[in-house]
Each structure stands twice: as C-alpha cells, then as structure tokens.
Amino acid sequence: MVSPGHQRLSVAFAESLTEAGVSSWLGSVSDTTEWLAPRWGDVYLHETVIAHIRRLLDTDYRCASLNETVPRFQDRIKRVAAHLNSPNFRAHGGRGMCGLAKDFRRRRAEVVRLKGERLP
C-alpha cells in the first residue's frame, strides 16, 4: 500500500482509490507517510483494540486453567468483546469503541501535527 522508496501511497493503490472516488486515511495521494513511524500505533484503531484485548485477557478475563479449551477461550473473547462495546469501556471520559473509530482522522491529524510524538 505504501512505497518505502518515496513514502507515499503506491501508484497502483492511489490510482484505484482515485478511480473509486475514495479518499485514503493517509490524506491525499501526494501526502508523505513519513509520519507513520514510530507512533502509528497511537492512531491505528486495530492496534489500539488489540492492546485493550490483550490487557483484558491478562487481567479482568484471565484464563482460569492451564489447559484452556477452545470453547472456554471463545467464551472469554466474547466477554471481552461485550466489555469493549459496553458503557463501562467508555468510563473515565472515553468514548469507547465507537469513539475510537469516529476519531480516527482527528487522531491521525494530531500525530501529524505533533510530528510523530505520542498522543496525550
């Protein structure tokens, strides 16, 4: 998707986006992607969600037995998903999963403005 040689969207990918009338989350096709590293994890929704899932599986929804079965793991994952979509996840001023998704472009712009520094 991104060409490391010039730090922009690959030509074929950019042309496909333009042809489909879709804009990229990176900005315009001529915008540089140098800002992506090293703080992209602060913005990228699935990275944020994975961090929350790992934390919850290690704390609130910890494995209770050494030889966990697939059905028990599936149950834990379902409980984690329910928690991430619950009002409890929005506690402490957060906006929950929906807020993470809706704030994506604003968070991306903030990382660019901060020149790759961590988001507060």
C-alpha atoms as a PDB file:
ATOM      1  CA  MET A   1       0.000   0.000   0.000  1.00  0.00           C
ATOM      2  CA  VAL A   2       2.864   2.398   0.788  1.00  0.00           C
ATOM      3  CA  SER A   3       6.022   2.508  -1.274  1.00  0.00           C
ATOM      4  CA  PRO A   4       9.047   2.668   1.035  1.00  0.00           C
ATOM      5  CA  GLY A   5      11.087   4.320  -1.720  1.00  0.00           C
ATOM      6  CA  HIS A   6       9.141   7.578  -1.719  1.00  0.00           C
ATOM      7  CA  GLN A   7       6.983   7.245   1.434  1.00  0.00           C
ATOM      8  CA  ARG A   8       3.724   7.747  -0.461  1.00  0.00           C
ATOM      9  CA  LEU A   9       0.857   5.523  -1.473  1.00  0.00           C
ATOM     10  CA  SER A  10       1.854   3.065  -4.171  1.00  0.00           C
ATOM     11  CA  VAL A  11       0.857   4.344  -7.603  1.00  0.00           C
ATOM     12  CA  ALA A  12      -1.495   1.431  -8.327  1.00  0.00           C
ATOM     13  CA  PHE A  13      -3.224   1.753  -4.960  1.00  0.00           C
ATOM     14  CA  ALA A  14      -3.565   5.541  -5.296  1.00  0.00           C
ATOM     15  CA  GLU A  15      -4.993   5.188  -8.809  1.00  0.00           C
ATOM     16  CA  SER A  16      -7.525   2.627  -7.562  1.00  0.00           C
ATOM     17  CA  LEU A  17      -8.639   4.949  -4.773  1.00  0.00           C
ATOM     18  CA  THR A  18      -8.999   7.867  -7.175  1.00  0.00           C
ATOM     19  CA  GLU A  19     -10.900   5.754  -9.703  1.00  0.00           C
ATOM     20  CA  ALA A  20     -13.287   4.566  -6.984  1.00  0.00           C
ATOM     21  CA  GLY A  21     -13.766   8.106  -5.682  1.00  0.00           C
ATOM     22  CA  VAL A  22     -12.438   7.105  -2.259  1.00  0.00           C
ATOM     23  CA  SER A  23     -10.011   9.105  -0.171  1.00  0.00           C
ATOM     24  CA  SER A  24      -7.193   7.498   1.764  1.00  0.00           C
ATOM     25  CA  TRP A  25      -6.842   7.676   5.531  1.00  0.00           C
ATOM     26  CA  LEU A  26      -3.293   8.895   4.805  1.00  0.00           C
ATOM     27  CA  GLY A  27      -4.592  12.092   3.262  1.00  0.00           C
ATOM     28  CA  SER A  28      -4.172  12.949  -0.411  1.00  0.00           C
ATOM     29  CA  VAL A  29      -2.250  10.650  -2.723  1.00  0.00           C
ATOM     30  CA  SER A  30       0.645  13.103  -2.722  1.00  0.00           C
ATOM     31  CA  ASP A  31       0.946  13.281   1.084  1.00  0.00           C
ATOM     32  CA  THR A  32       4.034  11.690   2.583  1.00  0.00           C
ATOM     33  CA  THR A  33       3.732   8.803   5.004  1.00  0.00           C
ATOM     34  CA  GLU A  34       6.934   9.558   6.910  1.00  0.00           C
ATOM     35  CA  TRP A  35       4.803  10.456   9.926  1.00  0.00           C
ATOM     36  CA  LEU A  36       3.583   6.833  10.191  1.00  0.00           C
ATOM     37  CA  ALA A  37       6.574   5.609  12.117  1.00  0.00           C
ATOM     38  CA  PRO A  38       7.144   5.359  15.008  1.00  0.00           C
ATOM     39  CA  ARG A  39       3.816   6.385  16.561  1.00  0.00           C
ATOM     40  CA  TRP A  40       1.248   4.847  14.228  1.00  0.00           C
ATOM     41  CA  GLY A  41       0.099   2.504  16.988  1.00  0.00           C
ATOM     42  CA  ASP A  42      -1.328   5.532  18.807  1.00  0.00           C
ATOM     43  CA  VAL A  43      -3.738   6.087  15.951  1.00  0.00           C
ATOM     44  CA  TYR A  44      -4.331   2.791  14.227  1.00  0.00           C
ATOM     45  CA  LEU A  45      -7.652   1.510  15.505  1.00  0.00           C
ATOM     46  CA  HIS A  46      -6.869  -2.190  15.390  1.00  0.00           C
ATOM     47  CA  GLU A  47      -3.567  -1.670  17.241  1.00  0.00           C
ATOM     48  CA  THR A  48      -5.431   0.145  19.994  1.00  0.00           C
ATOM     49  CA  VAL A  49      -8.096  -2.551  20.162  1.00  0.00           C
ATOM     50  CA  ILE A  50      -5.506  -5.348  20.232  1.00  0.00           C
ATOM     51  CA  ALA A  51      -3.769  -3.637  23.160  1.00  0.00           C
ATOM     52  CA  HIS A  52      -7.081  -3.470  25.049  1.00  0.00           C
ATOM     53  CA  ILE A  53      -7.893  -7.107  24.230  1.00  0.00           C
ATOM     54  CA  ARG A  54      -4.503  -8.291  25.471  1.00  0.00           C
ATOM     55  CA  ARG A  55      -4.810  -6.241  28.646  1.00  0.00           C
ATOM     56  CA  LEU A  56      -8.311  -7.555  29.351  1.00  0.00           C
ATOM     57  CA  LEU A  57      -7.313 -11.173  28.670  1.00  0.00           C
ATOM     58  CA  ASP A  58      -4.441 -10.753  31.135  1.00  0.00           C
ATOM     59  CA  THR A  59      -6.477  -9.017  33.840  1.00  0.00           C
ATOM     60  CA  ASP A  60     -10.268  -8.964  34.004  1.00  0.00           C
ATOM     61  CA  TYR A  61     -10.837 -12.020  31.762  1.00  0.00           C
ATOM     62  CA  ARG A  62      -7.814 -14.115  32.718  1.00  0.00           C
ATOM     63  CA  CYS A  63      -7.552 -17.798  31.848  1.00  0.00           C
ATOM     64  CA  ALA A  64      -8.636 -19.904  34.827  1.00  0.00           C
ATOM     65  CA  SER A  65      -6.943 -23.181  33.875  1.00  0.00           C
ATOM     66  CA  LEU A  66      -3.644 -24.297  32.409  1.00  0.00           C
ATOM     67  CA  ASN A  67      -5.223 -26.330  29.592  1.00  0.00           C
ATOM     68  CA  GLU A  68      -7.926 -23.954  28.418  1.00  0.00           C
ATOM     69  CA  THR A  69     -10.309 -25.458  25.881  1.00  0.00           C
ATOM     70  CA  VAL A  70     -11.303 -23.704  22.670  1.00  0.00           C
ATOM     71  CA  PRO A  71     -14.906 -23.192  23.862  1.00  0.00           C
ATOM     72  CA  ARG A  72     -13.677 -21.571  27.107  1.00  0.00           C
ATOM     73  CA  PHE A  73     -11.339 -19.276  25.185  1.00  0.00           C
ATOM     74  CA  GLN A  74     -14.208 -18.370  22.840  1.00  0.00           C
ATOM     75  CA  ASP A  75     -16.317 -17.530  25.885  1.00  0.00           C
ATOM     76  CA  ARG A  76     -13.566 -15.262  27.264  1.00  0.00           C
ATOM     77  CA  ILE A  77     -13.205 -13.490  23.908  1.00  0.00           C
ATOM     78  CA  LYS A  78     -16.974 -12.968  23.714  1.00  0.00           C
ATOM     79  CA  ARG A  79     -16.936 -11.432  27.200  1.00  0.00           C
ATOM     80  CA  VAL A  80     -14.028  -9.165  26.212  1.00  0.00           C
ATOM     81  CA  ALA A  81     -15.952  -8.051  23.091  1.00  0.00           C
ATOM     82  CA  ALA A  82     -19.053  -7.367  25.166  1.00  0.00           C
ATOM     83  CA  HIS A  83     -16.981  -5.297  27.593  1.00  0.00           C
ATOM     84  CA  LEU A  84     -15.338  -3.291  24.774  1.00  0.00           C
ATOM     85  CA  ASN A  85     -18.794  -2.445  23.426  1.00  0.00           C
ATOM     86  CA  SER A  86     -20.307  -1.676  26.836  1.00  0.00           C
ATOM     87  CA  PRO A  87     -20.772   1.667  28.596  1.00  0.00           C
ATOM     88  CA  ASN A  88     -18.118   0.518  31.118  1.00  0.00           C
ATOM     89  CA  PHE A  89     -15.447   0.810  28.419  1.00  0.00           C
ATOM     90  CA  ARG A  90     -16.437   4.449  27.938  1.00  0.00           C
ATOM     91  CA  ALA A  91     -15.667   5.255  31.551  1.00  0.00           C
ATOM     92  CA  HIS A  92     -13.232   7.993  32.579  1.00  0.00           C
ATOM     93  CA  GLY A  93     -14.187  10.372  29.777  1.00  0.00           C
ATOM     94  CA  GLY A  94     -13.538   7.900  26.961  1.00  0.00           C
ATOM     95  CA  ARG A  95     -15.836   7.428  24.021  1.00  0.00           C
ATOM     96  CA  GLY A  96     -15.432   3.672  23.706  1.00  0.00           C
ATOM     97  CA  MET A  97     -15.037   1.693  20.515  1.00  0.00           C
ATOM     98  CA  CYS A  98     -17.375   3.930  18.547  1.00  0.00           C
ATOM     99  CA  GLY A  99     -15.377   6.983  19.597  1.00  0.00           C
ATOM    100  CA  LEU A 100     -12.094   5.337  18.584  1.00  0.00           C
ATOM    101  CA  ALA A 101     -13.499   4.663  15.134  1.00  0.00           C
ATOM    102  CA  LYS A 102     -15.057   8.103  14.708  1.00  0.00           C
ATOM    103  CA  ASP A 103     -11.963   9.939  15.962  1.00  0.00           C
ATOM    104  CA  PHE A 104      -9.591   8.149  13.600  1.00  0.00           C
ATOM    105  CA  ARG A 105      -8.974  11.036  11.184  1.00  0.00           C
ATOM    106  CA  ARG A 106      -8.668  13.566  14.007  1.00  0.00           C
ATOM    107  CA  ARG A 107      -6.139  11.343  15.806  1.00  0.00           C
ATOM    108  CA  ARG A 108      -4.178  10.890  12.575  1.00  0.00           C
ATOM    109  CA  ALA A 109      -4.069  14.651  12.061  1.00  0.00           C
ATOM    110  CA  GLU A 110      -2.901  15.121  15.647  1.00  0.00           C
ATOM    111  CA  VAL A 111       0.025  12.691  15.150  1.00  0.00           C
ATOM    112  CA  VAL A 112       0.998  14.611  12.008  1.00  0.00           C
ATOM    113  CA  ARG A 113       0.731  17.934  13.881  1.00  0.00           C
ATOM    114  CA  LEU A 114       2.894  16.536  16.685  1.00  0.00           C
ATOM    115  CA  LYS A 115       5.441  15.316  14.104  1.00  0.00           C
ATOM    116  CA  GLY A 116       5.212  11.734  15.278  1.00  0.00           C
ATOM    117  CA  GLU A 117       5.211  12.398  19.014  1.00  0.00           C
ATOM    118  CA  ARG A 118       2.919  10.371  21.253  1.00  0.00           C
ATOM    119  CA  LEU A 119      -0.701  11.355  21.577  1.00  0.00           C
ATOM    120  CA  PRO A 120      -1.618  12.564  25.071  1.00  0.00           C
END
